[in-house]
């Protein structure tokens, strides 16, 4: 499509993918070198086994991580970030830097707006 609809759909899909509660934390754990299931789970103590498994599967399905099963006894599976995942992590890092630089401004703007718009229901 040449009317911009395709890029809008892609952006919306990417934002929906990232809005999952655990995606960013799992990517962060993988970026920091935790590549085995147990290590990822220890890095994110609040995630349940079910949610970690589902999140890893979604990330693999979306091409952001690779899963390597070594078919050994005892079983050994490792996860790694793909080039697409690395590129996404770079963008997320930039978003975190923006947040550090500007979030106090956002909070001030919210306070000013709320003070001047008392009929606004939050």
C-alpha atoms as a PDB file:
ATOM      1  CA  UNK A   1       0.000   0.000   0.000  1.00  0.00           C
ATOM      2  CA  UNK A   2       1.224   3.471  -0.781  1.00  0.00           C
ATOM      3  CA  UNK A   3      -1.178   5.461   1.388  1.00  0.00           C
ATOM      4  CA  UNK A   4       0.746   4.929   4.628  1.00  0.00           C
ATOM      5  CA  UNK A   5      -1.718   2.385   5.980  1.00  0.00           C
ATOM      6  CA  UNK A   6       0.841  -0.428   5.911  1.00  0.00           C
ATOM      7  CA  UNK A   7       3.357   1.470   8.039  1.00  0.00           C
ATOM      8  CA  UNK A   8       0.591   2.471  10.459  1.00  0.00           C
ATOM      9  CA  UNK A   9      -0.464  -1.154  10.843  1.00  0.00           C
ATOM     10  CA  UNK A  10       3.171  -2.198  11.342  1.00  0.00           C
ATOM     11  CA  UNK A  11       3.761   0.465  13.988  1.00  0.00           C
ATOM     12  CA  UNK A  12       0.558  -0.473  15.785  1.00  0.00           C
ATOM     13  CA  UNK A  13       1.551  -4.144  15.699  1.00  0.00           C
ATOM     14  CA  UNK A  14       5.009  -3.351  17.082  1.00  0.00           C
ATOM     15  CA  UNK A  15       3.543  -1.243  19.882  1.00  0.00           C
ATOM     16  CA  UNK A  16       1.039  -3.982  20.710  1.00  0.00           C
ATOM     17  CA  UNK A  17       3.865  -6.533  20.833  1.00  0.00           C
ATOM     18  CA  UNK A  18       5.861  -4.333  23.215  1.00  0.00           C
ATOM     19  CA  UNK A  19       2.885  -3.569  25.432  1.00  0.00           C
ATOM     20  CA  UNK A  20       3.014  -7.121  26.776  1.00  0.00           C
ATOM     21  CA  UNK A  21       4.014  -6.830  30.421  1.00  0.00           C
ATOM     22  CA  UNK A  22       7.067  -9.089  30.223  1.00  0.00           C
ATOM     23  CA  UNK A  23       8.554  -8.572  26.746  1.00  0.00           C
ATOM     24  CA  UNK A  24      10.899  -5.730  27.655  1.00  0.00           C
ATOM     25  CA  UNK A  25      12.064  -7.430  30.847  1.00  0.00           C
ATOM     26  CA  UNK A  26      12.818 -10.705  29.037  1.00  0.00           C
ATOM     27  CA  UNK A  27      14.734  -8.859  26.301  1.00  0.00           C
ATOM     28  CA  UNK A  28      16.652  -6.991  28.992  1.00  0.00           C
ATOM     29  CA  UNK A  29      17.563 -10.256  30.741  1.00  0.00           C
ATOM     30  CA  UNK A  30      18.752 -11.764  27.457  1.00  0.00           C
ATOM     31  CA  UNK A  31      20.756  -8.652  26.637  1.00  0.00           C
ATOM     32  CA  UNK A  32      22.466  -8.953  30.008  1.00  0.00           C
ATOM     33  CA  UNK A  33      23.602 -12.482  29.198  1.00  0.00           C
ATOM     34  CA  UNK A  34      20.998 -14.672  30.887  1.00  0.00           C
ATOM     35  CA  UNK A  35      20.382 -17.148  28.088  1.00  0.00           C
ATOM     36  CA  UNK A  36      19.060 -20.214  29.916  1.00  0.00           C
ATOM     37  CA  UNK A  37      15.456 -20.514  31.088  1.00  0.00           C
ATOM     38  CA  UNK A  38      16.366 -20.686  34.780  1.00  0.00           C
ATOM     39  CA  UNK A  39      18.696 -17.691  34.567  1.00  0.00           C
ATOM     40  CA  UNK A  40      16.012 -15.623  32.841  1.00  0.00           C
ATOM     41  CA  UNK A  41      13.519 -16.614  35.509  1.00  0.00           C
ATOM     42  CA  UNK A  42      15.947 -15.651  38.294  1.00  0.00           C
ATOM     43  CA  UNK A  43      16.545 -12.298  36.606  1.00  0.00           C
ATOM     44  CA  UNK A  44      12.762 -11.647  36.601  1.00  0.00           C
ATOM     45  CA  UNK A  45      11.577 -13.094  39.924  1.00  0.00           C
ATOM     46  CA  UNK A  46       7.951 -11.923  39.550  1.00  0.00           C
ATOM     47  CA  UNK A  47       7.310 -13.761  36.284  1.00  0.00           C
ATOM     48  CA  UNK A  48       5.560 -17.123  36.478  1.00  0.00           C
ATOM     49  CA  UNK A  49       6.893 -20.117  34.583  1.00  0.00           C
ATOM     50  CA  UNK A  50       3.800 -20.072  32.376  1.00  0.00           C
ATOM     51  CA  UNK A  51       4.224 -16.384  31.490  1.00  0.00           C
ATOM     52  CA  UNK A  52       7.953 -16.772  30.865  1.00  0.00           C
ATOM     53  CA  UNK A  53       7.316 -19.703  28.530  1.00  0.00           C
ATOM     54  CA  UNK A  54       4.569 -17.817  26.673  1.00  0.00           C
ATOM     55  CA  UNK A  55       6.705 -14.680  26.385  1.00  0.00           C
ATOM     56  CA  UNK A  56       9.721 -16.608  25.091  1.00  0.00           C
ATOM     57  CA  UNK A  57       7.522 -18.343  22.513  1.00  0.00           C
ATOM     58  CA  UNK A  58       6.038 -15.018  21.342  1.00  0.00           C
ATOM     59  CA  UNK A  59       9.484 -13.438  21.074  1.00  0.00           C
ATOM     60  CA  UNK A  60      10.721 -16.444  19.091  1.00  0.00           C
ATOM     61  CA  UNK A  61       7.630 -16.384  16.843  1.00  0.00           C
ATOM     62  CA  UNK A  62       8.180 -12.675  16.198  1.00  0.00           C
ATOM     63  CA  UNK A  63      11.807 -13.264  15.229  1.00  0.00           C
ATOM     64  CA  UNK A  64      13.272 -11.322  18.158  1.00  0.00           C
ATOM     65  CA  UNK A  65      15.005 -14.282  19.814  1.00  0.00           C
ATOM     66  CA  UNK A  66      16.362 -17.667  18.779  1.00  0.00           C
ATOM     67  CA  UNK A  67      15.859 -20.860  20.765  1.00  0.00           C
ATOM     68  CA  UNK A  68      18.563 -23.505  20.552  1.00  0.00           C
ATOM     69  CA  UNK A  69      17.747 -26.974  21.908  1.00  0.00           C
ATOM     70  CA  UNK A  70      20.940 -28.989  22.325  1.00  0.00           C
ATOM     71  CA  UNK A  71      18.988 -32.257  22.766  1.00  0.00           C
ATOM     72  CA  UNK A  72      21.204 -33.378  25.629  1.00  0.00           C
ATOM     73  CA  UNK A  73      20.532 -35.201  28.869  1.00  0.00           C
ATOM     74  CA  UNK A  74      19.878 -33.342  31.045  1.00  0.00           C
ATOM     75  CA  UNK A  75      18.044 -31.017  28.646  1.00  0.00           C
ATOM     76  CA  UNK A  76      19.788 -27.790  27.704  1.00  0.00           C
ATOM     77  CA  UNK A  77      18.058 -24.945  25.877  1.00  0.00           C
ATOM     78  CA  UNK A  78      19.540 -21.504  25.294  1.00  0.00           C
ATOM     79  CA  UNK A  79      17.991 -18.308  24.018  1.00  0.00           C
ATOM     80  CA  UNK A  80      19.713 -15.522  22.125  1.00  0.00           C
ATOM     81  CA  UNK A  81      18.670 -12.192  20.700  1.00  0.00           C
ATOM     82  CA  UNK A  82      18.401 -11.968  16.900  1.00  0.00           C
ATOM     83  CA  UNK A  83      19.598  -8.964  14.897  1.00  0.00           C
ATOM     84  CA  UNK A  84      15.985  -7.720  14.859  1.00  0.00           C
ATOM     85  CA  UNK A  85      15.895  -8.104  18.646  1.00  0.00           C
ATOM     86  CA  UNK A  86      19.191  -6.213  18.967  1.00  0.00           C
ATOM     87  CA  UNK A  87      17.788  -3.385  16.837  1.00  0.00           C
ATOM     88  CA  UNK A  88      14.672  -3.284  19.032  1.00  0.00           C
ATOM     89  CA  UNK A  89      16.775  -3.207  22.199  1.00  0.00           C
ATOM     90  CA  UNK A  90      18.665  -0.228  20.761  1.00  0.00           C
ATOM     91  CA  UNK A  91      15.367   1.590  20.213  1.00  0.00           C
ATOM     92  CA  UNK A  92      14.171   0.711  23.720  1.00  0.00           C
ATOM     93  CA  UNK A  93      17.464   1.993  25.148  1.00  0.00           C
ATOM     94  CA  UNK A  94      16.938   5.280  23.321  1.00  0.00           C
ATOM     95  CA  UNK A  95      13.406   5.459  24.714  1.00  0.00           C
ATOM     96  CA  UNK A  96      14.790   4.942  28.226  1.00  0.00           C
ATOM     97  CA  UNK A  97      17.302   7.741  27.639  1.00  0.00           C
ATOM     98  CA  UNK A  98      14.470  10.007  26.474  1.00  0.00           C
ATOM     99  CA  UNK A  99      12.540   9.109  29.610  1.00  0.00           C
ATOM    100  CA  UNK A 100      15.485  10.000  31.842  1.00  0.00           C
ATOM    101  CA  UNK A 101      15.943  13.310  30.038  1.00  0.00           C
ATOM    102  CA  UNK A 102      12.301  14.406  29.763  1.00  0.00           C
ATOM    103  CA  UNK A 103      10.061  12.596  32.211  1.00  0.00           C
ATOM    104  CA  UNK A 104      10.335  15.306  34.851  1.00  0.00           C
ATOM    105  CA  UNK A 105       9.036  17.694  32.170  1.00  0.00           C
ATOM    106  CA  UNK A 106       6.167  15.300  31.460  1.00  0.00           C
ATOM    107  CA  UNK A 107       5.284  15.139  35.160  1.00  0.00           C
ATOM    108  CA  UNK A 108       5.370  18.961  35.421  1.00  0.00           C
ATOM    109  CA  UNK A 109       3.154  19.291  32.355  1.00  0.00           C
ATOM    110  CA  UNK A 110       0.675  16.817  33.841  1.00  0.00           C
ATOM    111  CA  UNK A 111       0.577  18.691  37.138  1.00  0.00           C
ATOM    112  CA  UNK A 112       0.055  22.022  35.393  1.00  0.00           C
ATOM    113  CA  UNK A 113      -2.639  20.600  33.148  1.00  0.00           C
ATOM    114  CA  UNK A 114      -4.454  18.916  36.042  1.00  0.00           C
ATOM    115  CA  UNK A 115      -4.330  22.089  38.133  1.00  0.00           C
ATOM    116  CA  UNK A 116      -5.827  24.118  35.274  1.00  0.00           C
ATOM    117  CA  UNK A 117      -8.414  21.536  34.223  1.00  0.00           C
ATOM    118  CA  UNK A 118     -10.196  20.463  37.376  1.00  0.00           C
ATOM    119  CA  UNK A 119     -13.178  19.119  35.453  1.00  0.00           C
ATOM    120  CA  UNK A 120     -10.927  16.578  33.757  1.00  0.00           C
ATOM    121  CA  UNK A 121     -11.709  13.095  34.992  1.00  0.00           C
ATOM    122  CA  UNK A 122      -8.614  10.890  35.185  1.00  0.00           C
END
